[in-house]
Amino acid sequence: MAKPAFDILRALAIASQAVGLIAVITLETVMGDAARPWQGLTLGLMIASALVLAVARTYRRNRQRKQANRG
């Protein structure tokens, strides 16, 4: 079975990490040292989104594998 050329979950993962990195840099630029707690929160959100997307990809891959075994 051929893999699709565009994987929306992978694109979402890359976009979320890029947005998080931009947010961390922007917070540091705007707030200076006061940005540390917000940067920690941003990092936590980045990790949470990566984990959610990884679970979603695993679920989708397993579902496709089950369908391929049936048909």
N, C-alpha and C. Protein backbone atom coordinates (compact mmCIF):
# COMPACT_ATOMS: atom_id res chain seq x y z
N MET A 1 0.84 -1.17 0.00
CA MET A 1 0.00 0.00 0.00
C MET A 1 0.89 1.25 0.00
N ALA A 2 0.66 2.13 -0.91
CA ALA A 2 1.48 3.33 -1.04
C ALA A 2 1.10 4.35 0.02
N LYS A 3 2.09 5.04 0.51
CA LYS A 3 1.85 6.08 1.50
C LYS A 3 1.39 7.35 0.79
N PRO A 4 0.49 8.12 1.44
CA PRO A 4 0.06 9.37 0.81
C PRO A 4 1.22 10.37 0.75
N ALA A 5 1.16 11.23 -0.23
CA ALA A 5 2.24 12.21 -0.42
C ALA A 5 2.22 13.28 0.67
N PHE A 6 1.04 13.55 1.23
CA PHE A 6 0.93 14.60 2.24
C PHE A 6 0.28 14.02 3.48
N ASP A 7 0.95 14.12 4.61
CA ASP A 7 0.43 13.61 5.88
C ASP A 7 0.04 14.81 6.74
N ILE A 8 -1.27 14.98 6.94
CA ILE A 8 -1.77 16.15 7.67
C ILE A 8 -1.29 16.15 9.13
N LEU A 9 -1.19 14.98 9.75
CA LEU A 9 -0.75 14.95 11.15
C LEU A 9 0.72 15.35 11.27
N ARG A 10 1.53 14.95 10.31
CA ARG A 10 2.93 15.36 10.34
C ARG A 10 3.06 16.87 10.12
N ALA A 11 2.24 17.40 9.21
CA ALA A 11 2.25 18.85 8.97
C ALA A 11 1.81 19.61 10.22
N LEU A 12 0.79 19.09 10.91
CA LEU A 12 0.34 19.73 12.15
C LEU A 12 1.43 19.69 13.23
N ALA A 13 2.14 18.58 13.31
CA ALA A 13 3.22 18.46 14.29
C ALA A 13 4.33 19.47 14.02
N ILE A 14 4.71 19.59 12.77
CA ILE A 14 5.76 20.54 12.41
C ILE A 14 5.30 21.96 12.65
N ALA A 15 4.06 22.26 12.28
CA ALA A 15 3.54 23.62 12.47
C ALA A 15 3.43 23.98 13.95
N SER A 16 2.98 23.04 14.77
CA SER A 16 2.84 23.35 16.20
C SER A 16 4.20 23.60 16.84
N GLN A 17 5.21 22.83 16.44
CA GLN A 17 6.55 23.05 16.99
C GLN A 17 7.13 24.38 16.51
N ALA A 18 6.87 24.74 15.27
CA ALA A 18 7.36 26.02 14.75
C ALA A 18 6.69 27.19 15.47
N VAL A 19 5.39 27.09 15.67
CA VAL A 19 4.67 28.15 16.38
C VAL A 19 5.18 28.27 17.81
N GLY A 20 5.42 27.14 18.46
CA GLY A 20 5.95 27.16 19.82
C GLY A 20 7.32 27.80 19.90
N LEU A 21 8.19 27.47 18.97
CA LEU A 21 9.53 28.07 18.96
C LEU A 21 9.45 29.58 18.74
N ILE A 22 8.60 29.99 17.82
CA ILE A 22 8.43 31.42 17.57
C ILE A 22 7.89 32.12 18.82
N ALA A 23 6.95 31.46 19.51
CA ALA A 23 6.38 32.05 20.73
C ALA A 23 7.45 32.19 21.82
N VAL A 24 8.30 31.18 21.98
CA VAL A 24 9.36 31.23 23.00
C VAL A 24 10.32 32.38 22.70
N ILE A 25 10.72 32.51 21.45
CA ILE A 25 11.65 33.57 21.07
C ILE A 25 11.00 34.93 21.23
N THR A 26 9.74 35.06 20.83
CA THR A 26 9.03 36.33 20.97
C THR A 26 8.86 36.72 22.43
N LEU A 27 8.51 35.75 23.28
CA LEU A 27 8.37 36.04 24.71
C LEU A 27 9.69 36.55 25.29
N GLU A 28 10.79 35.91 24.92
CA GLU A 28 12.09 36.35 25.42
C GLU A 28 12.42 37.76 24.95
N THR A 29 12.10 38.06 23.72
CA THR A 29 12.39 39.37 23.15
C THR A 29 11.56 40.45 23.82
N VAL A 30 10.28 40.18 24.02
CA VAL A 30 9.36 41.19 24.54
C VAL A 30 9.47 41.34 26.06
N MET A 31 9.55 40.21 26.77
CA MET A 31 9.45 40.27 28.23
C MET A 31 10.78 40.12 28.96
N GLY A 32 11.80 39.69 28.28
CA GLY A 32 13.09 39.49 28.94
C GLY A 32 13.03 38.33 29.92
N ASP A 33 13.60 38.54 31.13
CA ASP A 33 13.64 37.46 32.12
C ASP A 33 12.27 37.11 32.68
N ALA A 34 11.30 38.01 32.59
CA ALA A 34 9.96 37.74 33.10
C ALA A 34 9.23 36.71 32.24
N ALA A 35 9.79 36.34 31.13
CA ALA A 35 9.15 35.40 30.22
C ALA A 35 9.35 33.95 30.62
N ARG A 36 10.20 33.67 31.58
CA ARG A 36 10.54 32.28 31.92
C ARG A 36 9.33 31.41 32.22
N PRO A 37 8.39 31.82 33.08
CA PRO A 37 7.23 30.95 33.33
C PRO A 37 6.38 30.72 32.08
N TRP A 38 6.25 31.74 31.27
CA TRP A 38 5.45 31.62 30.04
C TRP A 38 6.15 30.72 29.03
N GLN A 39 7.47 30.79 29.01
CA GLN A 39 8.21 29.90 28.12
C GLN A 39 8.07 28.45 28.57
N GLY A 40 8.05 28.23 29.87
CA GLY A 40 7.83 26.88 30.39
C GLY A 40 6.46 26.36 30.02
N LEU A 41 5.46 27.22 30.14
CA LEU A 41 4.10 26.84 29.74
C LEU A 41 4.04 26.53 28.24
N THR A 42 4.70 27.34 27.45
CA THR A 42 4.74 27.11 26.00
C THR A 42 5.43 25.79 25.69
N LEU A 43 6.51 25.50 26.37
CA LEU A 43 7.20 24.22 26.16
C LEU A 43 6.29 23.06 26.54
N GLY A 44 5.58 23.19 27.65
CA GLY A 44 4.64 22.15 28.06
C GLY A 44 3.55 21.92 27.02
N LEU A 45 3.04 23.00 26.45
CA LEU A 45 2.02 22.87 25.40
C LEU A 45 2.60 22.23 24.14
N MET A 46 3.83 22.55 23.82
CA MET A 46 4.49 21.95 22.66
C MET A 46 4.63 20.44 22.85
N ILE A 47 5.05 20.03 24.05
CA ILE A 47 5.22 18.60 24.33
C ILE A 47 3.88 17.89 24.31
N ALA A 48 2.86 18.53 24.91
CA ALA A 48 1.52 17.92 24.93
C ALA A 48 0.97 17.75 23.52
N SER A 49 1.14 18.76 22.67
CA SER A 49 0.63 18.64 21.30
C SER A 49 1.40 17.56 20.53
N ALA A 50 2.70 17.45 20.76
CA ALA A 50 3.48 16.41 20.09
C ALA A 50 3.01 15.02 20.52
N LEU A 51 2.72 14.86 21.81
CA LEU A 51 2.25 13.56 22.29
C LEU A 51 0.88 13.22 21.73
N VAL A 52 -0.03 14.19 21.70
CA VAL A 52 -1.36 13.95 21.15
C VAL A 52 -1.28 13.56 19.68
N LEU A 53 -0.47 14.27 18.93
CA LEU A 53 -0.33 13.95 17.51
C LEU A 53 0.35 12.60 17.29
N ALA A 54 1.30 12.24 18.14
CA ALA A 54 1.94 10.93 18.02
C ALA A 54 0.94 9.81 18.29
N VAL A 55 0.09 9.99 19.29
CA VAL A 55 -0.93 8.99 19.58
C VAL A 55 -1.93 8.91 18.42
N ALA A 56 -2.31 10.04 17.86
CA ALA A 56 -3.24 10.05 16.74
C ALA A 56 -2.64 9.33 15.52
N ARG A 57 -1.36 9.55 15.26
CA ARG A 57 -0.71 8.86 14.14
C ARG A 57 -0.64 7.36 14.37
N THR A 58 -0.35 6.96 15.60
CA THR A 58 -0.29 5.54 15.93
C THR A 58 -1.66 4.90 15.77
N TYR A 59 -2.68 5.56 16.26
CA TYR A 59 -4.05 5.05 16.14
C TYR A 59 -4.43 4.90 14.66
N ARG A 60 -4.13 5.92 13.86
CA ARG A 60 -4.47 5.87 12.44
C ARG A 60 -3.71 4.75 11.73
N ARG A 61 -2.42 4.60 12.05
CA ARG A 61 -1.62 3.56 11.42
C ARG A 61 -2.14 2.17 11.79
N ASN A 62 -2.48 1.97 13.05
CA ASN A 62 -3.01 0.67 13.47
C ASN A 62 -4.37 0.39 12.83
N ARG A 63 -5.20 1.39 12.71
CA ARG A 63 -6.51 1.22 12.06
C ARG A 63 -6.34 0.83 10.59
N GLN A 64 -5.39 1.49 9.91
CA GLN A 64 -5.13 1.15 8.51
C GLN A 64 -4.57 -0.26 8.38
N ARG A 65 -3.74 -0.66 9.32
CA ARG A 65 -3.16 -2.01 9.30
C ARG A 65 -4.26 -3.05 9.49
N LYS A 66 -5.20 -2.80 10.39
CA LYS A 66 -6.32 -3.72 10.60
C LYS A 66 -7.18 -3.83 9.36
N GLN A 67 -7.45 -2.69 8.72
CA GLN A 67 -8.26 -2.71 7.50
C GLN A 67 -7.55 -3.46 6.38
N ALA A 68 -6.25 -3.33 6.30
CA ALA A 68 -5.48 -4.02 5.26
C ALA A 68 -5.49 -5.54 5.50
N ASN A 69 -5.48 -5.96 6.75
CA ASN A 69 -5.51 -7.37 7.06
C ASN A 69 -6.87 -7.99 6.78
N ARG A 70 -7.92 -7.23 6.90
CA ARG A 70 -9.28 -7.73 6.64
C ARG A 70 -9.55 -7.86 5.14
N GLY A 71 -9.03 -6.90 4.39
CA GLY A 71 -9.38 -6.87 2.97
C GLY A 71 -8.32 -7.38 2.13
